[in-house]
Amino acid sequence: MGLWKRYRLRLLRKRMRFRAFRKRRELSLVANRLGRVRRNDILVAAVLRNERIRLPYFLRYYRDLGVNHFLFIDNGSDDGSRDYLAAQEDVTLWTARASYREARFGVDWLNWILMRHAREHWVLALDVDEFFVYPFCDTRPIRALTDWLDTYEIRSFPAMLVDMYPKGGISAVPYREGMNPFTIADHFDSGNYTISKNAEFGNLWIQGGPRARVMFADTPKEAPSLNKIPLVKWRWDYCFVSSTHTLLPRSLNLTYDEVGGEKASGCLLHAKFLSTFEAKVAEELTRQEHFATGREYAAYAEALKEQPDLWCRWSEKYINWRQLEILGLMSKGNWA
């Protein structure tokens, strides 16, 4: 990379961090348990709105993996999410009633919280419908992964977003609070993915899956990106640029091998397509707070008119992480 490009990216990083500093005024601390966070604790950070029904299982899943503390930013929920989170002993909660879109879809808020409170912690930056799966997650806690990454001085770990869906209509089986969503949304696309490299930031760009196949069938290049780097050992000068798809410094995005080997990677099982999906689409279309004035949600709404069944004859029923490794959606690399 040339000197001019490096200079531009350095300026962009400073601008992103300054935006986060300014946006800190939009955050109000609701429940402060930061004093309980120990030096080596593993954190989860998330921005959410109206996700009360999902929260019990989300918290239980990550507690069972070995996460120690949760940093939540609630963007004006009116379904009880705020009160529920404020009552959890391992949660620190902020609220933000300002525009999600004007905060770069929550990234400015997230960057500030991580800059201020997550330095030298391993952090999983997630949406509350994302469930991290990594090699040996059925037998090893997440600290085993972060200890291995520390040993090799690796500070970022990628995960491909895998859209999960039921066999049958999305709304056919009601999702109830506390349920494992993958007892309903238990299928995924085993193929149908395209991968390219972002020349500017160096990260991979992955598209495909059921959203590209069904909801963006005519414009697959506009389908949501599936590449994420959710697990980072945070430093004060890091920042997310575009959700958790892209980080700065640029070196944090180079999580893959280009000379014939394989680096370890994981997946994020995406529990978006449940019976709650239709109401969420209607809400977000009204709010117009998402990327490109909700173009993605407009595509969802159009597809919902047809009552789509995302399952097809090439769909695969989810078993475990080893299945994802065999299919090439994740890799254990040299972690044995």
C-alpha atoms as a PDB file:
ATOM      1  CA  MET A   1       0.000   0.000   0.000  1.00  0.00           C
ATOM      2  CA  GLY A   2       1.320   3.428  -0.951  1.00  0.00           C
ATOM      3  CA  LEU A   3       2.113   6.199   1.490  1.00  0.00           C
ATOM      4  CA  TRP A   4      -0.786   8.347   0.292  1.00  0.00           C
ATOM      5  CA  LYS A   5      -3.292   5.539   0.884  1.00  0.00           C
ATOM      6  CA  ARG A   6      -1.907   4.899   4.351  1.00  0.00           C
ATOM      7  CA  TYR A   7      -2.179   8.584   5.141  1.00  0.00           C
ATOM      8  CA  ARG A   8      -5.821   8.710   3.975  1.00  0.00           C
ATOM      9  CA  LEU A   9      -6.738   5.709   6.096  1.00  0.00           C
ATOM     10  CA  ARG A  10      -5.007   7.237   9.109  1.00  0.00           C
ATOM     11  CA  LEU A  11      -7.040  10.424   8.615  1.00  0.00           C
ATOM     12  CA  LEU A  12     -10.224   8.368   8.244  1.00  0.00           C
ATOM     13  CA  ARG A  13      -9.486   6.575  11.506  1.00  0.00           C
ATOM     14  CA  LYS A  14      -8.984   9.884  13.303  1.00  0.00           C
ATOM     15  CA  ARG A  15     -12.248  11.169  11.846  1.00  0.00           C
ATOM     16  CA  MET A  16     -14.157   8.053  12.932  1.00  0.00           C
ATOM     17  CA  ARG A  17     -12.783   8.321  16.448  1.00  0.00           C
ATOM     18  CA  PHE A  18     -13.593  12.033  16.626  1.00  0.00           C
ATOM     19  CA  ARG A  19     -17.167  11.290  15.503  1.00  0.00           C
ATOM     20  CA  ALA A  20     -17.425   8.760  18.325  1.00  0.00           C
ATOM     21  CA  PHE A  21     -16.109  11.324  20.802  1.00  0.00           C
ATOM     22  CA  ARG A  22     -18.769  13.855  19.727  1.00  0.00           C
ATOM     23  CA  LYS A  23     -21.579  11.288  19.762  1.00  0.00           C
ATOM     24  CA  ARG A  24     -20.805  10.323  23.369  1.00  0.00           C
ATOM     25  CA  ARG A  25     -23.197  13.117  24.417  1.00  0.00           C
ATOM     26  CA  GLU A  26     -26.079  11.119  22.993  1.00  0.00           C
ATOM     27  CA  LEU A  27     -25.462   8.289  25.472  1.00  0.00           C
ATOM     28  CA  SER A  28     -26.944   8.243  28.970  1.00  0.00           C
ATOM     29  CA  LEU A  29     -25.749   5.682  31.497  1.00  0.00           C
ATOM     30  CA  VAL A  30     -28.685   3.722  32.911  1.00  0.00           C
ATOM     31  CA  ALA A  31     -27.035   0.870  34.834  1.00  0.00           C
ATOM     32  CA  ASN A  32     -23.342   1.125  35.693  1.00  0.00           C
ATOM     33  CA  ARG A  33     -21.593  -2.091  36.718  1.00  0.00           C
ATOM     34  CA  LEU A  34     -18.234  -1.280  35.134  1.00  0.00           C
ATOM     35  CA  GLY A  35     -16.608  -1.538  38.551  1.00  0.00           C
ATOM     36  CA  ARG A  36     -17.176  -5.288  38.391  1.00  0.00           C
ATOM     37  CA  VAL A  37     -15.231  -5.712  35.148  1.00  0.00           C
ATOM     38  CA  ARG A  38     -11.872  -7.359  35.806  1.00  0.00           C
ATOM     39  CA  ARG A  39      -8.755  -6.798  33.772  1.00  0.00           C
ATOM     40  CA  ASN A  40      -8.976  -9.989  31.686  1.00  0.00           C
ATOM     41  CA  ASP A  41     -12.766 -10.215  31.334  1.00  0.00           C
ATOM     42  CA  ILE A  42     -14.254 -11.048  27.943  1.00  0.00           C
ATOM     43  CA  LEU A  43     -16.965  -8.601  26.888  1.00  0.00           C
ATOM     44  CA  VAL A  44     -19.953  -8.517  24.548  1.00  0.00           C
ATOM     45  CA  ALA A  45     -21.015  -5.163  23.097  1.00  0.00           C
ATOM     46  CA  ALA A  46     -24.271  -4.561  21.224  1.00  0.00           C
ATOM     47  CA  VAL A  47     -26.641  -1.820  20.073  1.00  0.00           C
ATOM     48  CA  LEU A  48     -30.303  -2.831  20.125  1.00  0.00           C
ATOM     49  CA  ARG A  49     -33.882  -1.676  19.892  1.00  0.00           C
ATOM     50  CA  ASN A  50     -37.012  -3.605  20.901  1.00  0.00           C
ATOM     51  CA  GLU A  51     -35.407  -7.034  21.295  1.00  0.00           C
ATOM     52  CA  ARG A  52     -36.907  -8.075  24.641  1.00  0.00           C
ATOM     53  CA  ILE A  53     -38.069 -11.454  23.376  1.00  0.00           C
ATOM     54  CA  ARG A  54     -34.556 -12.395  22.225  1.00  0.00           C
ATOM     55  CA  LEU A  55     -32.561 -11.234  25.234  1.00  0.00           C
ATOM     56  CA  PRO A  56     -32.933 -14.177  27.678  1.00  0.00           C
ATOM     57  CA  TYR A  57     -31.517 -16.725  25.241  1.00  0.00           C
ATOM     58  CA  PHE A  58     -28.864 -14.310  23.921  1.00  0.00           C
ATOM     59  CA  LEU A  59     -27.543 -13.682  27.437  1.00  0.00           C
ATOM     60  CA  ARG A  60     -27.661 -17.346  28.382  1.00  0.00           C
ATOM     61  CA  TYR A  61     -25.826 -18.403  25.214  1.00  0.00           C
ATOM     62  CA  TYR A  62     -22.911 -16.024  25.761  1.00  0.00           C
ATOM     63  CA  ARG A  63     -22.734 -16.615  29.501  1.00  0.00           C
ATOM     64  CA  ASP A  64     -22.416 -20.323  28.750  1.00  0.00           C
ATOM     65  CA  LEU A  65     -19.571 -19.584  26.298  1.00  0.00           C
ATOM     66  CA  GLY A  66     -17.706 -17.763  29.056  1.00  0.00           C
ATOM     67  CA  VAL A  67     -18.449 -14.080  28.431  1.00  0.00           C
ATOM     68  CA  ASN A  68     -18.025 -12.105  31.668  1.00  0.00           C
ATOM     69  CA  HIS A  69     -19.764  -8.785  31.045  1.00  0.00           C
ATOM     70  CA  PHE A  70     -22.159  -7.156  28.558  1.00  0.00           C
ATOM     71  CA  LEU A  71     -22.096  -3.569  27.281  1.00  0.00           C
ATOM     72  CA  PHE A  72     -25.484  -2.666  25.780  1.00  0.00           C
ATOM     73  CA  ILE A  73     -26.696   0.526  24.100  1.00  0.00           C
ATOM     74  CA  ASP A  74     -30.474   0.676  23.932  1.00  0.00           C
ATOM     75  CA  ASN A  75     -31.795   2.913  21.165  1.00  0.00           C
ATOM     76  CA  GLY A  76     -35.160   3.943  22.586  1.00  0.00           C
ATOM     77  CA  SER A  77     -36.816   0.563  23.118  1.00  0.00           C
ATOM     78  CA  ASP A  78     -40.447   0.611  24.251  1.00  0.00           C
ATOM     79  CA  ASP A  79     -40.931  -3.151  24.711  1.00  0.00           C
ATOM     80  CA  GLY A  80     -39.257  -3.569  28.106  1.00  0.00           C
ATOM     81  CA  SER A  81     -35.749  -4.274  26.805  1.00  0.00           C
ATOM     82  CA  ARG A  82     -34.256  -1.429  28.806  1.00  0.00           C
ATOM     83  CA  ASP A  83     -35.738  -2.464  32.162  1.00  0.00           C
ATOM     84  CA  TYR A  84     -34.882  -6.106  31.606  1.00  0.00           C
ATOM     85  CA  LEU A  85     -31.225  -5.350  30.820  1.00  0.00           C
ATOM     86  CA  ALA A  86     -30.897  -2.854  33.659  1.00  0.00           C
ATOM     87  CA  ALA A  87     -31.798  -5.631  36.094  1.00  0.00           C
ATOM     88  CA  GLN A  88     -29.051  -8.003  34.911  1.00  0.00           C
ATOM     89  CA  GLU A  89     -26.055  -8.110  37.264  1.00  0.00           C
ATOM     90  CA  ASP A  90     -23.485  -8.590  34.479  1.00  0.00           C
ATOM     91  CA  VAL A  91     -24.807  -5.803  32.233  1.00  0.00           C
ATOM     92  CA  THR A  92     -23.788  -2.166  31.902  1.00  0.00           C
ATOM     93  CA  LEU A  93     -26.439  -0.271  29.982  1.00  0.00           C
ATOM     94  CA  TRP A  94     -26.577   3.026  28.143  1.00  0.00           C
ATOM     95  CA  THR A  95     -29.560   4.507  26.373  1.00  0.00           C
ATOM     96  CA  ALA A  96     -29.524   6.637  23.225  1.00  0.00           C
ATOM     97  CA  ARG A  97     -32.658   8.314  21.912  1.00  0.00           C
ATOM     98  CA  ALA A  98     -30.901  10.082  19.027  1.00  0.00           C
ATOM     99  CA  SER A  99     -30.990   8.902  15.414  1.00  0.00           C
ATOM    100  CA  TYR A 100     -29.499   5.477  14.769  1.00  0.00           C
ATOM    101  CA  ARG A 101     -28.828   6.497  11.175  1.00  0.00           C
ATOM    102  CA  GLU A 102     -27.054   9.734  12.161  1.00  0.00           C
ATOM    103  CA  ALA A 103     -24.804   7.719  14.470  1.00  0.00           C
ATOM    104  CA  ARG A 104     -23.707   5.739  11.410  1.00  0.00           C
ATOM    105  CA  PHE A 105     -26.167   2.978  12.288  1.00  0.00           C
ATOM    106  CA  GLY A 106     -24.928   2.821  15.870  1.00  0.00           C
ATOM    107  CA  VAL A 107     -21.234   2.468  15.002  1.00  0.00           C
ATOM    108  CA  ASP A 108     -20.318   5.864  16.502  1.00  0.00           C
ATOM    109  CA  TRP A 109     -21.894   4.891  19.838  1.00  0.00           C
ATOM    110  CA  LEU A 110     -20.243   1.486  19.762  1.00  0.00           C
ATOM    111  CA  ASN A 111     -16.823   2.935  18.981  1.00  0.00           C
ATOM    112  CA  TRP A 112     -17.054   5.362  21.900  1.00  0.00           C
ATOM    113  CA  ILE A 113     -18.046   2.661  24.387  1.00  0.00           C
ATOM    114  CA  LEU A 114     -15.202   0.416  23.231  1.00  0.00           C
ATOM    115  CA  MET A 115     -12.655   3.245  23.190  1.00  0.00           C
ATOM    116  CA  ARG A 116     -13.618   4.220  26.711  1.00  0.00           C
ATOM    117  CA  HIS A 117     -14.333   0.919  28.443  1.00  0.00           C
ATOM    118  CA  ALA A 118     -12.915  -2.039  26.489  1.00  0.00           C
ATOM    119  CA  ARG A 119      -9.207  -1.290  26.184  1.00  0.00           C
ATOM    120  CA  GLU A 120      -7.127  -4.486  26.176  1.00  0.00           C
ATOM    121  CA  HIS A 121     -10.237  -6.623  26.570  1.00  0.00           C
ATOM    122  CA  TRP A 122     -11.348  -9.224  24.094  1.00  0.00           C
ATOM    123  CA  VAL A 123     -14.714  -7.958  22.820  1.00  0.00           C
ATOM    124  CA  LEU A 124     -17.437  -9.602  20.759  1.00  0.00           C
ATOM    125  CA  ALA A 125     -19.322  -6.845  18.904  1.00  0.00           C
ATOM    126  CA  LEU A 126     -22.670  -8.309  17.882  1.00  0.00           C
ATOM    127  CA  ASP A 127     -26.297  -7.847  17.024  1.00  0.00           C
ATOM    128  CA  VAL A 128     -28.623  -9.692  19.384  1.00  0.00           C
ATOM    129  CA  ASP A 129     -29.681 -12.104  16.632  1.00  0.00           C
ATOM    130  CA  GLU A 130     -26.068 -13.267  16.070  1.00  0.00           C
ATOM    131  CA  PHE A 131     -24.599 -16.339  17.770  1.00  0.00           C
ATOM    132  CA  PHE A 132     -20.865 -16.917  17.589  1.00  0.00           C
ATOM    133  CA  VAL A 133     -19.675 -20.394  16.631  1.00  0.00           C
ATOM    134  CA  TYR A 134     -15.962 -21.168  16.548  1.00  0.00           C
ATOM    135  CA  PRO A 135     -13.806 -24.310  16.273  1.00  0.00           C
ATOM    136  CA  PHE A 136     -14.292 -26.631  19.262  1.00  0.00           C
ATOM    137  CA  CYS A 137     -17.000 -24.371  20.758  1.00  0.00           C
ATOM    138  CA  ASP A 138     -18.834 -27.502  21.892  1.00  0.00           C
ATOM    139  CA  THR A 139     -15.942 -28.480  24.176  1.00  0.00           C
ATOM    140  CA  ARG A 140     -13.858 -25.335  24.772  1.00  0.00           C
ATOM    141  CA  PRO A 141     -14.961 -22.014  26.297  1.00  0.00           C
ATOM    142  CA  ILE A 142     -14.309 -18.798  24.438  1.00  0.00           C
ATOM    143  CA  ARG A 143     -11.342 -18.066  26.695  1.00  0.00           C
ATOM    144  CA  ALA A 144      -9.549 -21.054  25.173  1.00  0.00           C
ATOM    145  CA  LEU A 145      -9.858 -19.292  21.807  1.00  0.00           C
ATOM    146  CA  THR A 146      -8.757 -15.886  23.086  1.00  0.00           C
ATOM    147  CA  ASP A 147      -5.812 -17.426  24.976  1.00  0.00           C
ATOM    148  CA  TRP A 148      -4.694 -19.122  21.748  1.00  0.00           C
ATOM    149  CA  LEU A 149      -5.043 -15.848  19.839  1.00  0.00           C
ATOM    150  CA  ASP A 150      -3.019 -14.070  22.545  1.00  0.00           C
ATOM    151  CA  THR A 151      -0.276 -16.687  22.259  1.00  0.00           C
ATOM    152  CA  TYR A 152       0.163 -15.874  18.569  1.00  0.00           C
ATOM    153  CA  GLU A 153      -0.420 -12.126  19.087  1.00  0.00           C
ATOM    154  CA  ILE A 154      -3.515 -12.154  16.862  1.00  0.00           C
ATOM    155  CA  ARG A 155      -5.848  -9.286  17.727  1.00  0.00           C
ATOM    156  CA  SER A 156      -8.861  -9.911  15.456  1.00  0.00           C
ATOM    157  CA  PHE A 157     -10.878 -12.987  14.527  1.00  0.00           C
ATOM    158  CA  PRO A 158     -13.342 -13.210  11.601  1.00  0.00           C
ATOM    159  CA  ALA A 159     -16.715 -14.890  11.345  1.00  0.00           C
ATOM    160  CA  MET A 160     -18.945 -15.383   8.331  1.00  0.00           C
ATOM    161  CA  LEU A 161     -22.607 -14.553   8.901  1.00  0.00           C
ATOM    162  CA  VAL A 162     -24.735 -17.613   8.130  1.00  0.00           C
ATOM    163  CA  ASP A 163     -28.438 -16.843   7.682  1.00  0.00           C
ATOM    164  CA  MET A 164     -30.523 -19.523   9.392  1.00  0.00           C
ATOM    165  CA  TYR A 165     -34.137 -20.193   8.409  1.00  0.00           C
ATOM    166  CA  PRO A 166     -36.929 -22.721   9.011  1.00  0.00           C
ATOM    167  CA  LYS A 167     -38.258 -25.304   6.626  1.00  0.00           C
ATOM    168  CA  GLY A 168     -41.619 -23.768   5.822  1.00  0.00           C
ATOM    169  CA  GLY A 169     -42.978 -20.270   6.246  1.00  0.00           C
ATOM    170  CA  ILE A 170     -40.993 -17.850   8.357  1.00  0.00           C
ATOM    171  CA  SER A 171     -43.988 -17.179  10.619  1.00  0.00           C
ATOM    172  CA  ALA A 172     -45.317 -20.731  10.739  1.00  0.00           C
ATOM    173  CA  VAL A 173     -43.848 -21.575  14.150  1.00  0.00           C
ATOM    174  CA  PRO A 174     -44.111 -18.832  16.817  1.00  0.00           C
ATOM    175  CA  TYR A 175     -40.894 -17.911  18.569  1.00  0.00           C
ATOM    176  CA  ARG A 176     -41.286 -17.709  22.344  1.00  0.00           C
ATOM    177  CA  GLU A 177     -39.085 -15.882  24.826  1.00  0.00           C
ATOM    178  CA  GLY A 178     -36.174 -17.983  26.055  1.00  0.00           C
ATOM    179  CA  MET A 179     -36.295 -20.484  23.182  1.00  0.00           C
ATOM    180  CA  ASN A 180     -33.216 -21.563  21.296  1.00  0.00           C
ATOM    181  CA  PRO A 181     -34.014 -19.929  17.922  1.00  0.00           C
ATOM    182  CA  PHE A 182     -32.242 -22.724  16.058  1.00  0.00           C
ATOM    183  CA  THR A 183     -34.861 -25.256  17.079  1.00  0.00           C
ATOM    184  CA  ILE A 184     -37.003 -23.332  14.553  1.00  0.00           C
ATOM    185  CA  ALA A 185     -34.506 -21.741  12.153  1.00  0.00           C
ATOM    186  CA  ASP A 186     -32.445 -24.896  11.661  1.00  0.00           C
ATOM    187  CA  HIS A 187     -31.441 -24.722   7.977  1.00  0.00           C
ATOM    188  CA  PHE A 188     -28.885 -22.715   5.995  1.00  0.00           C
ATOM    189  CA  ASP A 189     -27.422 -22.459   2.503  1.00  0.00           C
ATOM    190  CA  SER A 190     -24.392 -24.716   2.252  1.00  0.00           C
ATOM    191  CA  GLY A 191     -23.181 -22.929  -0.901  1.00  0.00           C
ATOM    192  CA  ASN A 192     -24.285 -19.999  -3.048  1.00  0.00           C
ATOM    193  CA  TYR A 193     -21.657 -17.530  -1.781  1.00  0.00           C
ATOM    194  CA  THR A 194     -19.348 -15.112  -3.572  1.00  0.00           C
ATOM    195  CA  ILE A 195     -16.122 -13.762  -2.085  1.00  0.00           C
ATOM    196  CA  SER A 196     -14.021 -10.833  -3.205  1.00  0.00           C
ATOM    197  CA  LYS A 197     -11.411  -8.594  -1.605  1.00  0.00           C
ATOM    198  CA  ASN A 198     -11.982  -4.965  -0.703  1.00  0.00           C
ATOM    199  CA  ALA A 199      -9.011  -3.173  -2.256  1.00  0.00           C
ATOM    200  CA  GLU A 200      -9.127  -0.188   0.094  1.00  0.00           C
ATOM    201  CA  PHE A 201      -9.559  -1.834   3.487  1.00  0.00           C
ATOM    202  CA  GLY A 202      -8.223  -5.309   2.714  1.00  0.00           C
ATOM    203  CA  ASN A 203     -11.177  -7.199   4.200  1.00  0.00           C
ATOM    204  CA  LEU A 204     -13.037  -9.962   2.406  1.00  0.00           C
ATOM    205  CA  TRP A 205     -16.479  -9.152   0.999  1.00  0.00           C
ATOM    206  CA  ILE A 206     -18.916 -12.067   1.121  1.00  0.00           C
ATOM    207  CA  GLN A 207     -22.461 -12.165  -0.258  1.00  0.00           C
ATOM    208  CA  GLY A 208     -25.003 -14.875  -0.882  1.00  0.00           C
ATOM    209  CA  GLY A 209     -27.230 -17.148   1.134  1.00  0.00           C
ATOM    210  CA  PRO A 210     -31.040 -17.035   1.240  1.00  0.00           C
ATOM    211  CA  ARG A 211     -31.275 -13.238   1.192  1.00  0.00           C
ATOM    212  CA  ALA A 212     -29.327 -13.001  -2.064  1.00  0.00           C
ATOM    213  CA  ARG A 213     -31.154 -16.045  -3.453  1.00  0.00           C
ATOM    214  CA  VAL A 214     -34.712 -14.935  -2.630  1.00  0.00           C
ATOM    215  CA  MET A 215     -34.904 -11.283  -1.558  1.00  0.00           C
ATOM    216  CA  PHE A 216     -32.220  -9.870  -3.838  1.00  0.00           C
ATOM    217  CA  ALA A 217     -32.530 -12.377  -6.660  1.00  0.00           C
ATOM    218  CA  ASP A 218     -32.660  -9.641  -9.314  1.00  0.00           C
ATOM    219  CA  THR A 219     -29.909  -7.503  -7.760  1.00  0.00           C
ATOM    220  CA  PRO A 220     -27.554  -9.919  -5.970  1.00  0.00           C
ATOM    221  CA  LYS A 221     -24.784  -7.309  -5.746  1.00  0.00           C
ATOM    222  CA  GLU A 222     -27.069  -5.310  -3.435  1.00  0.00           C
ATOM    223  CA  ALA A 223     -27.529  -8.248  -1.054  1.00  0.00           C
ATOM    224  CA  PRO A 224     -26.274  -7.715   2.512  1.00  0.00           C
ATOM    225  CA  SER A 225     -22.623  -8.476   3.193  1.00  0.00           C
ATOM    226  CA  LEU A 226     -21.901 -11.537   5.298  1.00  0.00           C
ATOM    227  CA  ASN A 227     -18.284 -10.875   6.267  1.00  0.00           C
ATOM    228  CA  LYS A 228     -17.716  -9.746   9.844  1.00  0.00           C
ATOM    229  CA  ILE A 229     -14.834  -9.371  12.296  1.00  0.00           C
ATOM    230  CA  PRO A 230     -16.733  -9.537  15.584  1.00  0.00           C
ATOM    231  CA  LEU A 231     -13.965 -10.625  17.984  1.00  0.00           C
ATOM    232  CA  VAL A 232     -11.251  -8.040  18.640  1.00  0.00           C
ATOM    233  CA  LYS A 233      -8.744  -7.406  21.397  1.00  0.00           C
ATOM    234  CA  TRP A 234      -9.525  -3.711  21.620  1.00  0.00           C
ATOM    235  CA  ARG A 235      -7.096  -0.824  21.798  1.00  0.00           C
ATOM    236  CA  TRP A 236      -7.910   2.832  22.352  1.00  0.00           C
ATOM    237  CA  ASP A 237      -7.013   3.740  18.749  1.00  0.00           C
ATOM    238  CA  TYR A 238      -9.107   1.060  17.005  1.00  0.00           C
ATOM    239  CA  CYS A 239     -12.472   1.731  15.377  1.00  0.00           C
ATOM    240  CA  PHE A 240     -15.147   0.020  13.349  1.00  0.00           C
ATOM    241  CA  VAL A 241     -15.757   1.770  10.038  1.00  0.00           C
ATOM    242  CA  SER A 242     -18.754  -0.047   8.559  1.00  0.00           C
ATOM    243  CA  SER A 243     -20.670  -2.002  11.186  1.00  0.00           C
ATOM    244  CA  THR A 244     -18.393  -4.911  12.154  1.00  0.00           C
ATOM    245  CA  HIS A 245     -17.508  -5.577   8.513  1.00  0.00           C
ATOM    246  CA  THR A 246     -14.485  -3.283   8.491  1.00  0.00           C
ATOM    247  CA  LEU A 247     -11.948  -2.105  11.051  1.00  0.00           C
ATOM    248  CA  LEU A 248      -9.099   0.352  11.242  1.00  0.00           C
ATOM    249  CA  PRO A 249      -6.152   0.002  11.417  1.00  0.00           C
ATOM    250  CA  ARG A 250      -6.307  -1.918   8.154  1.00  0.00           C
ATOM    251  CA  SER A 251      -4.139  -4.770   9.478  1.00  0.00           C
ATOM    252  CA  LEU A 252      -7.068  -5.947  11.638  1.00  0.00           C
ATOM    253  CA  ASN A 253      -8.972  -6.848   8.458  1.00  0.00           C
ATOM    254  CA  LEU A 254      -6.258  -9.206   7.162  1.00  0.00           C
ATOM    255  CA  THR A 255      -7.689 -12.270   8.848  1.00  0.00           C
ATOM    256  CA  TYR A 256      -7.184 -14.708   5.948  1.00  0.00           C
ATOM    257  CA  ASP A 257      -4.266 -16.427   4.187  1.00  0.00           C
ATOM    258  CA  GLU A 258      -3.448 -15.586   0.570  1.00  0.00           C
ATOM    259  CA  VAL A 259      -0.587 -18.036   0.043  1.00  0.00           C
ATOM    260  CA  GLY A 260      -2.378 -21.368   0.159  1.00  0.00           C
ATOM    261  CA  GLY A 261      -2.933 -21.940   3.872  1.00  0.00           C
ATOM    262  CA  GLU A 262      -5.950 -21.422   6.111  1.00  0.00           C
ATOM    263  CA  LYS A 263      -6.310 -19.177   9.132  1.00  0.00           C
ATOM    264  CA  ALA A 264      -8.784 -20.028  11.851  1.00  0.00           C
ATOM    265  CA  SER A 265     -12.217 -18.460  11.512  1.00  0.00           C
ATOM    266  CA  GLY A 266     -15.725 -18.825  12.871  1.00  0.00           C
ATOM    267  CA  CYS A 267     -19.344 -18.219  11.939  1.00  0.00           C
ATOM    268  CA  LEU A 268     -22.167 -16.092  13.267  1.00  0.00           C
ATOM    269  CA  LEU A 269     -25.415 -18.041  13.114  1.00  0.00           C
ATOM    270  CA  HIS A 270     -27.974 -15.384  12.197  1.00  0.00           C
ATOM    271  CA  ALA A 271     -31.393 -15.928  13.784  1.00  0.00           C
ATOM    272  CA  LYS A 272     -33.175 -13.221  11.806  1.00  0.00           C
ATOM    273  CA  PHE A 273     -35.865 -15.296  10.133  1.00  0.00           C
ATOM    274  CA  LEU A 274     -38.269 -16.110  12.938  1.00  0.00           C
ATOM    275  CA  SER A 275     -41.929 -15.274  13.493  1.00  0.00           C
ATOM    276  CA  THR A 276     -40.830 -11.878  14.895  1.00  0.00           C
ATOM    277  CA  PHE A 277     -39.390 -10.899  11.507  1.00  0.00           C
ATOM    278  CA  GLU A 278     -42.522  -9.422   9.916  1.00  0.00           C
ATOM    279  CA  ALA A 279     -43.187  -7.016  12.800  1.00  0.00           C
ATOM    280  CA  LYS A 280     -39.531  -5.927  12.828  1.00  0.00           C
ATOM    281  CA  VAL A 281     -39.644  -5.207   9.087  1.00  0.00           C
ATOM    282  CA  ALA A 282     -42.800  -3.099   9.485  1.00  0.00           C
ATOM    283  CA  GLU A 283     -41.237  -1.137  12.360  1.00  0.00           C
ATOM    284  CA  GLU A 284     -37.998  -0.410  10.525  1.00  0.00           C
ATOM    285  CA  LEU A 285     -39.768   0.620   7.328  1.00  0.00           C
ATOM    286  CA  THR A 286     -41.647   3.209   9.352  1.00  0.00           C
ATOM    287  CA  ARG A 287     -38.555   4.457  11.195  1.00  0.00           C
ATOM    288  CA  GLN A 288     -36.348   4.727   8.075  1.00  0.00           C
ATOM    289  CA  GLU A 289     -33.237   4.490  10.244  1.00  0.00           C
ATOM    290  CA  HIS A 290     -31.337   1.839   8.308  1.00  0.00           C
ATOM    291  CA  PHE A 291     -28.816   1.948   5.479  1.00  0.00           C
ATOM    292  CA  ALA A 292     -29.911   3.489   2.152  1.00  0.00           C
ATOM    293  CA  THR A 293     -33.191   4.646   3.744  1.00  0.00           C
ATOM    294  CA  GLY A 294     -34.136   1.058   4.516  1.00  0.00           C
ATOM    295  CA  ARG A 295     -33.546  -0.451   1.054  1.00  0.00           C
ATOM    296  CA  GLU A 296     -32.804  -3.811   2.658  1.00  0.00           C
ATOM    297  CA  TYR A 297     -36.037  -3.732   4.661  1.00  0.00           C
ATOM    298  CA  ALA A 298     -38.003  -2.696   1.575  1.00  0.00           C
ATOM    299  CA  ALA A 299     -36.723  -5.847  -0.132  1.00  0.00           C
ATOM    300  CA  TYR A 300     -37.780  -7.895   2.896  1.00  0.00           C
ATOM    301  CA  ALA A 301     -41.250  -6.352   2.865  1.00  0.00           C
ATOM    302  CA  GLU A 302     -41.680  -7.128  -0.830  1.00  0.00           C
ATOM    303  CA  ALA A 303     -40.645 -10.741  -0.288  1.00  0.00           C
ATOM    304  CA  LEU A 304     -43.003 -11.105   2.683  1.00  0.00           C
ATOM    305  CA  LYS A 305     -45.960 -10.347   0.400  1.00  0.00           C
ATOM    306  CA  GLU A 306     -45.318 -13.732  -1.185  1.00  0.00           C
ATOM    307  CA  GLN A 307     -45.065 -15.523   2.182  1.00  0.00           C
ATOM    308  CA  PRO A 308     -41.687 -16.981   1.176  1.00  0.00           C
ATOM    309  CA  ASP A 309     -40.313 -20.331   2.190  1.00  0.00           C
ATOM    310  CA  LEU A 310     -36.541 -19.784   2.204  1.00  0.00           C
ATOM    311  CA  TRP A 311     -35.925 -23.514   2.236  1.00  0.00           C
ATOM    312  CA  CYS A 312     -34.910 -25.117  -1.044  1.00  0.00           C
ATOM    313  CA  ARG A 313     -33.689 -28.584  -2.076  1.00  0.00           C
ATOM    314  CA  TRP A 314     -30.069 -27.505  -1.519  1.00  0.00           C
ATOM    315  CA  SER A 315     -30.713 -26.323   2.030  1.00  0.00           C
ATOM    316  CA  GLU A 316     -28.703 -28.049   4.749  1.00  0.00           C
ATOM    317  CA  LYS A 317     -29.945 -28.809   8.254  1.00  0.00           C
ATOM    318  CA  TYR A 318     -27.547 -27.460  10.884  1.00  0.00           C
ATOM    319  CA  ILE A 319     -25.717 -29.990  13.058  1.00  0.00           C
ATOM    320  CA  ASN A 320     -22.597 -28.399  14.549  1.00  0.00           C
ATOM    321  CA  TRP A 321     -19.459 -26.372  13.853  1.00  0.00           C
ATOM    322  CA  ARG A 322     -17.677 -29.342  12.260  1.00  0.00           C
ATOM    323  CA  GLN A 323     -20.304 -29.383   9.538  1.00  0.00           C
ATOM    324  CA  LEU A 324     -19.573 -25.709   8.811  1.00  0.00           C
ATOM    325  CA  GLU A 325     -15.856 -26.514   8.636  1.00  0.00           C
ATOM    326  CA  ILE A 326     -16.397 -29.372   6.182  1.00  0.00           C
ATOM    327  CA  LEU A 327     -18.446 -27.047   3.967  1.00  0.00           C
ATOM    328  CA  GLY A 328     -15.666 -24.447   4.025  1.00  0.00           C
ATOM    329  CA  LEU A 329     -17.669 -21.767   5.871  1.00  0.00           C
ATOM    330  CA  MET A 330     -15.198 -21.703   8.762  1.00  0.00           C
ATOM    331  CA  SER A 331     -11.778 -23.145   9.578  1.00  0.00           C
ATOM    332  CA  LYS A 332      -9.853 -24.302  12.635  1.00  0.00           C
ATOM    333  CA  GLY A 333      -6.591 -23.389  10.894  1.00  0.00           C
ATOM    334  CA  ASN A 334      -3.649 -24.559  13.032  1.00  0.00           C
ATOM    335  CA  TRP A 335      -5.638 -24.515  16.270  1.00  0.00           C
ATOM    336  CA  ALA A 336      -5.714 -28.151  17.279  1.00  0.00           C
END
